[in-house]
């Protein structure tokens, strides 16, 4: 879907027929996303030898997938706050339903179909296409800035004389400064959206660190500095994947960035295996998030019909 098509979608007058059509488009993109998730899982399963992965590791992957599912709710809360800043007050339940159903479409090649799906589902619910497009712009802008903030923690990997305490000080000052600007010059809702997104990225990086730690069975407080570098490198790689055109959910791009940033810090084979398992757990987490959103939608319909 190009810019012209999206602009046309934003300016449409939503008639009852168009409302139903947009609803089906949004749900259809989610279903297509499920297909690509399954296809990617199948390819990952056969490209790398996962037979030696222990039951404990798979148990960790399962637990982390559930944790990632609930981590995704932070993105929903951020999007809802962005909508509030634009004068649209939607319920938490509605935002969970729309975001959860559309999110799977990010795995469709093109890396924009989850946005198109959310646009279609939102317009089918009667929200202005222009408002939805603005909310998407704010969402992408804020999460890009949030991800870029973590680049301060990657500096010691690229510039040896930059210390970790200095990087931590820079990231804290940046978060406080950006939060202040959003709160004073824009709105409290955008400030909260920024905090939600920072929290989502921090937890996502932490999930990858836990997974890698379980895989290499490397413990000990003396490795705290390395884990901080790995967490921040993961977030930076996530950001590059997000803004790379055409990469479904950033797949392929993030691996290259991680290999570059963590060269010499983590064994390449362990890192690639962690990336594959991390991809499996995020796929599973997104599927669970989609399932919870769909289940919530069914429950809501049953309540309405009573």
Protein backbone atom coordinates (compact mmCIF):
# COMPACT_ATOMS: atom_id res chain seq x y z
CA UNK A 1 0.00 0.00 0.00
CA UNK A 2 1.66 3.24 -1.15
CA UNK A 3 1.30 6.76 0.25
CA UNK A 4 -1.37 7.72 -2.30
CA UNK A 5 -3.49 4.69 -1.42
CA UNK A 6 -3.19 5.42 2.29
CA UNK A 7 -4.12 9.07 1.73
CA UNK A 8 -7.19 7.98 -0.24
CA UNK A 9 -8.14 5.61 2.56
CA UNK A 10 -7.85 8.42 5.12
CA UNK A 11 -10.16 10.73 3.15
CA UNK A 12 -12.95 8.20 2.52
CA UNK A 13 -16.47 8.83 3.76
CA UNK A 14 -17.36 5.73 5.76
CA UNK A 15 -20.71 4.38 4.55
CA UNK A 16 -22.24 1.23 6.12
CA UNK A 17 -21.00 -0.88 3.18
CA UNK A 18 -17.52 0.64 3.36
CA UNK A 19 -17.53 0.14 7.12
CA UNK A 20 -18.08 -3.60 6.67
CA UNK A 21 -15.49 -3.71 3.88
CA UNK A 22 -12.86 -1.99 6.02
CA UNK A 23 -13.64 -4.35 8.88
CA UNK A 24 -13.06 -7.36 6.63
CA UNK A 25 -9.87 -5.83 5.21
CA UNK A 26 -8.45 -5.33 8.70
CA UNK A 27 -9.29 -8.86 9.79
CA UNK A 28 -8.13 -10.29 6.45
CA UNK A 29 -4.68 -8.72 6.84
CA UNK A 30 -4.43 -10.29 10.29
CA UNK A 31 -5.26 -13.72 8.86
CA UNK A 32 -2.65 -13.27 6.11
CA UNK A 33 -0.21 -12.31 8.85
CA UNK A 34 -0.87 -15.62 10.63
CA UNK A 35 0.02 -17.45 7.41
CA UNK A 36 3.36 -15.65 7.16
CA UNK A 37 4.07 -16.29 10.85
CA UNK A 38 3.54 -20.03 10.36
CA UNK A 39 5.62 -19.97 7.16
CA UNK A 40 8.49 -18.20 8.90
CA UNK A 41 8.35 -20.56 11.89
CA UNK A 42 8.47 -23.53 9.52
CA UNK A 43 11.51 -22.09 7.72
CA UNK A 44 13.33 -21.30 10.97
CA UNK A 45 12.61 -24.78 12.27
CA UNK A 46 14.22 -26.40 9.21
CA UNK A 47 17.05 -23.94 8.51
CA UNK A 48 18.73 -24.39 11.90
CA UNK A 49 19.21 -27.54 13.95
CA UNK A 50 17.04 -27.11 17.04
CA UNK A 51 17.21 -30.76 18.10
CA UNK A 52 19.85 -30.13 20.76
CA UNK A 53 17.80 -27.42 22.48
CA UNK A 54 16.92 -28.76 25.93
CA UNK A 55 13.48 -28.96 27.49
CA UNK A 56 14.49 -26.27 29.98
CA UNK A 57 15.30 -23.87 27.14
CA UNK A 58 11.95 -24.54 25.47
CA UNK A 59 10.25 -23.96 28.81
CA UNK A 60 12.09 -20.64 29.07
CA UNK A 61 11.01 -19.73 25.52
CA UNK A 62 7.39 -20.52 26.42
CA UNK A 63 7.46 -18.42 29.59
CA UNK A 64 9.17 -15.53 27.82
CA UNK A 65 6.62 -15.68 24.97
CA UNK A 66 3.83 -15.24 27.52
CA UNK A 67 5.76 -12.39 29.12
CA UNK A 68 6.28 -10.77 25.70
CA UNK A 69 2.55 -11.05 25.01
CA UNK A 70 1.78 -8.96 28.09
CA UNK A 71 4.68 -6.62 27.29
CA UNK A 72 2.85 -5.85 24.02
CA UNK A 73 0.01 -4.31 26.01
CA UNK A 74 2.34 -1.37 26.70
CA UNK A 75 2.22 -0.55 22.98
CA UNK A 76 -1.57 -0.60 23.14
CA UNK A 77 -1.59 1.78 26.09
CA UNK A 78 0.84 4.07 24.26
CA UNK A 79 -1.35 4.15 21.13
CA UNK A 80 -4.45 4.86 23.23
CA UNK A 81 -2.69 7.80 24.88
CA UNK A 82 -1.66 9.13 21.47
CA UNK A 83 -5.29 8.98 20.34
CA UNK A 84 -6.29 10.85 23.50
CA UNK A 85 -3.75 13.56 22.70
CA UNK A 86 -5.50 13.95 19.33
CA UNK A 87 -8.91 14.35 20.97
CA UNK A 88 -10.19 10.79 20.52
CA UNK A 89 -10.99 8.98 23.76
CA UNK A 90 -11.41 5.24 23.13
CA UNK A 91 -11.85 2.54 25.73
CA UNK A 92 -8.94 0.38 26.80
CA UNK A 93 -10.89 -2.68 25.66
CA UNK A 94 -11.42 -1.27 22.15
CA UNK A 95 -7.76 -0.31 21.75
CA UNK A 96 -6.63 -3.80 22.83
CA UNK A 97 -9.00 -5.40 20.33
CA UNK A 98 -7.95 -3.25 17.36
CA UNK A 99 -4.23 -3.26 18.10
CA UNK A 100 -4.06 -6.97 18.85
CA UNK A 101 -5.94 -8.03 15.73
CA UNK A 102 -3.98 -5.77 13.37
CA UNK A 103 -0.54 -6.39 14.86
CA UNK A 104 0.00 -9.78 13.17
CA UNK A 105 -0.10 -8.11 9.76
CA UNK A 106 3.39 -6.70 10.47
CA UNK A 107 4.75 -10.08 9.37
CA UNK A 108 3.35 -9.62 5.86
CA UNK A 109 6.21 -8.53 3.52
CA UNK A 110 6.11 -4.77 3.13
CA UNK A 111 6.26 -3.91 6.85
CA UNK A 112 3.26 -1.54 6.59
CA UNK A 113 0.23 -3.81 6.54
CA UNK A 114 -0.32 -3.74 10.31
CA UNK A 115 -0.66 0.03 9.94
CA UNK A 116 -3.10 -0.37 7.05
CA UNK A 117 -5.05 -2.97 9.03
CA UNK A 118 -5.34 -0.73 12.07
CA UNK A 119 -6.37 2.16 9.82
CA UNK A 120 -9.11 0.04 8.26
CA UNK A 121 -10.39 -1.35 11.58
CA UNK A 122 -10.32 2.09 13.20
CA UNK A 123 -12.23 3.70 10.34
CA UNK A 124 -14.77 0.87 10.39
CA UNK A 125 -15.39 1.83 14.03
CA UNK A 126 -16.11 5.42 13.00
CA UNK A 127 -12.80 7.12 13.85
CA UNK A 128 -11.52 9.72 11.39
CA UNK A 129 -8.95 8.38 8.94
CA UNK A 130 -6.94 11.57 9.36
CA UNK A 131 -6.79 11.16 13.13
CA UNK A 132 -5.72 7.52 12.76
CA UNK A 133 -2.99 8.50 10.29
CA UNK A 134 -1.72 11.18 12.69
CA UNK A 135 -1.72 8.67 15.55
CA UNK A 136 0.38 6.32 13.41
CA UNK A 137 2.82 9.12 12.64
CA UNK A 138 3.17 9.96 16.33
CA UNK A 139 3.48 6.29 17.26
CA UNK A 140 6.26 5.58 14.75
CA UNK A 141 8.01 8.84 15.59
CA UNK A 142 7.91 8.28 19.34
CA UNK A 143 8.99 4.66 19.24
CA UNK A 144 11.81 5.52 16.84
CA UNK A 145 13.02 8.19 19.25
CA UNK A 146 12.58 5.76 22.15
CA UNK A 147 14.69 3.15 20.38
CA UNK A 148 17.32 5.72 19.40
CA UNK A 149 17.70 6.69 23.07
CA UNK A 150 19.23 3.26 23.72
CA UNK A 151 21.99 3.99 21.21
CA UNK A 152 23.80 5.84 24.01
CA UNK A 153 24.38 2.47 25.66
CA UNK A 154 25.86 1.06 22.46
CA UNK A 155 28.53 3.77 22.28
CA UNK A 156 31.04 1.87 24.48
CA UNK A 157 30.92 -0.97 21.95
CA UNK A 158 31.87 1.41 19.13
CA UNK A 159 34.00 4.00 20.94
CA UNK A 160 36.22 2.36 23.58
CA UNK A 161 36.93 5.51 25.64
CA UNK A 162 33.18 6.04 26.33
CA UNK A 163 32.40 4.41 29.67
CA UNK A 164 29.21 2.62 30.69
CA UNK A 165 28.41 5.08 33.54
CA UNK A 166 28.70 7.96 31.06
CA UNK A 167 26.34 6.17 28.66
CA UNK A 168 23.83 5.52 31.44
CA UNK A 169 23.97 9.19 32.45
CA UNK A 170 23.38 10.24 28.83
CA UNK A 171 20.39 7.93 28.40
CA UNK A 172 18.79 9.11 31.65
CA UNK A 173 19.32 12.77 30.75
CA UNK A 174 17.87 12.16 27.28
CA UNK A 175 14.78 10.42 28.66
CA UNK A 176 14.20 13.19 31.20
CA UNK A 177 14.76 15.89 28.57
CA UNK A 178 12.46 14.35 25.97
CA UNK A 179 9.83 13.60 28.61
CA UNK A 180 9.94 17.22 29.75
CA UNK A 181 9.56 18.52 26.18
CA UNK A 182 6.59 16.23 25.51
CA UNK A 183 4.90 17.11 28.81
CA UNK A 184 5.41 20.88 28.62
CA UNK A 185 5.11 21.61 24.90
CA UNK A 186 2.75 18.86 23.72
CA UNK A 187 0.61 16.90 26.19
CA UNK A 188 0.65 14.66 29.22
CA UNK A 189 -0.78 11.86 27.07
CA UNK A 190 2.20 11.95 24.68
CA UNK A 191 4.54 11.96 27.67
CA UNK A 192 2.87 8.79 28.97
CA UNK A 193 2.99 7.21 25.50
CA UNK A 194 6.74 7.84 25.43
CA UNK A 195 7.18 6.22 28.86
CA UNK A 196 5.11 3.19 27.81
CA UNK A 197 7.22 2.74 24.67
CA UNK A 198 10.53 3.12 26.53
CA UNK A 199 9.28 0.49 28.99
CA UNK A 200 8.25 -1.86 26.17
CA UNK A 201 11.68 -1.65 24.55
CA UNK A 202 13.50 -2.08 27.86
CA UNK A 203 11.45 -5.18 28.72
CA UNK A 204 11.88 -6.57 25.18
CA UNK A 205 15.65 -6.17 25.47
CA UNK A 206 15.53 -7.80 28.89
CA UNK A 207 13.63 -10.76 27.45
CA UNK A 208 16.36 -11.27 24.84
CA UNK A 209 19.05 -11.04 27.52
CA UNK A 210 17.29 -13.68 29.66
CA UNK A 211 16.93 -15.94 26.62
CA UNK A 212 20.58 -15.60 25.64
CA UNK A 213 21.64 -16.14 29.25
CA UNK A 214 19.58 -19.32 29.47
CA UNK A 215 21.04 -20.53 26.18
CA UNK A 216 24.71 -20.00 27.05
CA UNK A 217 24.15 -20.72 30.76
CA UNK A 218 26.26 -17.73 31.67
CA UNK A 219 25.57 -16.39 35.13
CA UNK A 220 27.11 -13.96 37.56
CA UNK A 221 26.90 -10.31 38.50
CA UNK A 222 30.33 -9.66 36.94
CA UNK A 223 28.67 -9.92 33.52
CA UNK A 224 26.15 -7.16 34.24
CA UNK A 225 27.96 -4.72 31.93
CA UNK A 226 27.89 -7.22 29.05
CA UNK A 227 24.17 -7.85 29.57
CA UNK A 228 23.46 -4.11 29.49
CA UNK A 229 25.34 -3.85 26.19
CA UNK A 230 23.41 -6.83 24.78
CA UNK A 231 20.06 -5.38 25.86
CA UNK A 232 20.80 -2.00 24.28
CA UNK A 233 22.19 -3.61 21.11
CA UNK A 234 18.99 -5.62 20.77
CA UNK A 235 16.86 -2.47 21.03
CA UNK A 236 18.99 -0.63 18.46
CA UNK A 237 18.77 -3.63 16.12
CA UNK A 238 15.00 -3.68 16.67
CA UNK A 239 14.81 0.00 15.69
CA UNK A 240 16.80 -0.53 12.49
CA UNK A 241 14.49 -3.41 11.57
CA UNK A 242 11.46 -1.23 12.27
CA UNK A 243 12.50 1.56 9.91
CA UNK A 244 13.84 -0.71 7.15
CA UNK A 245 11.35 -0.67 4.24
CA UNK A 246 10.04 -4.01 3.06
CA UNK A 247 11.43 -6.15 5.89
CA UNK A 248 8.51 -8.04 7.49
CA UNK A 249 8.75 -7.13 11.19
CA UNK A 250 12.42 -6.31 10.59
CA UNK A 251 13.30 -9.98 10.06
CA UNK A 252 16.84 -10.45 8.68
CA UNK A 253 17.97 -6.89 9.31
CA UNK A 254 18.14 -7.20 13.09
CA UNK A 255 20.36 -10.26 12.94
CA UNK A 256 22.97 -8.38 10.89
CA UNK A 257 22.97 -5.42 13.28
CA UNK A 258 23.31 -7.68 16.32
CA UNK A 259 26.19 -9.60 14.76
CA UNK A 260 27.95 -6.32 13.99
CA UNK A 261 27.43 -4.71 17.41
CA UNK A 262 28.13 -7.79 19.52
CA UNK A 263 31.12 -9.09 17.55
CA UNK A 264 33.60 -10.47 20.07
CA UNK A 265 31.18 -10.09 22.99
CA UNK A 266 28.97 -13.08 22.16
CA UNK A 267 29.80 -16.19 20.17
CA UNK A 268 28.21 -15.86 16.71
CA UNK A 269 26.61 -19.30 16.85
CA UNK A 270 25.06 -18.66 20.27
CA UNK A 271 23.86 -15.24 19.14
CA UNK A 272 22.23 -16.58 15.96
CA UNK A 273 20.53 -19.37 17.91
CA UNK A 274 19.26 -16.82 20.43
CA UNK A 275 17.94 -14.71 17.55
CA UNK A 276 16.09 -17.70 16.07
CA UNK A 277 14.62 -18.68 19.44
CA UNK A 278 13.83 -15.02 20.10
CA UNK A 279 11.98 -14.85 16.80
CA UNK A 280 10.00 -17.95 17.73
CA UNK A 281 9.04 -16.52 21.11
CA UNK A 282 8.01 -13.15 19.64
CA UNK A 283 5.95 -14.90 16.97
CA UNK A 284 4.33 -17.02 19.68
CA UNK A 285 3.81 -13.95 21.87
CA UNK A 286 2.17 -12.04 19.02
CA UNK A 287 -0.06 -15.03 18.24
CA UNK A 288 -1.08 -15.20 21.90
CA UNK A 289 -1.71 -11.45 21.90
CA UNK A 290 -3.87 -11.86 18.78
CA UNK A 291 -5.74 -14.77 20.39
CA UNK A 292 -6.45 -12.80 23.56
CA UNK A 293 -7.69 -9.85 21.49
CA UNK A 294 -9.92 -12.11 19.37
CA UNK A 295 -11.24 -13.90 22.46
CA UNK A 296 -11.98 -10.55 24.06
CA UNK A 297 -13.88 -9.55 20.91
CA UNK A 298 -15.99 -12.73 21.02
CA UNK A 299 -16.81 -12.22 24.70
CA UNK A 300 -17.86 -8.63 23.99
CA UNK A 301 -20.15 -9.76 21.16
CA UNK A 302 -21.77 -12.38 23.40
CA UNK A 303 -22.43 -9.77 26.09
CA UNK A 304 -24.04 -7.47 23.50
CA UNK A 305 -26.29 -10.26 22.23
CA UNK A 306 -27.61 -11.15 25.69
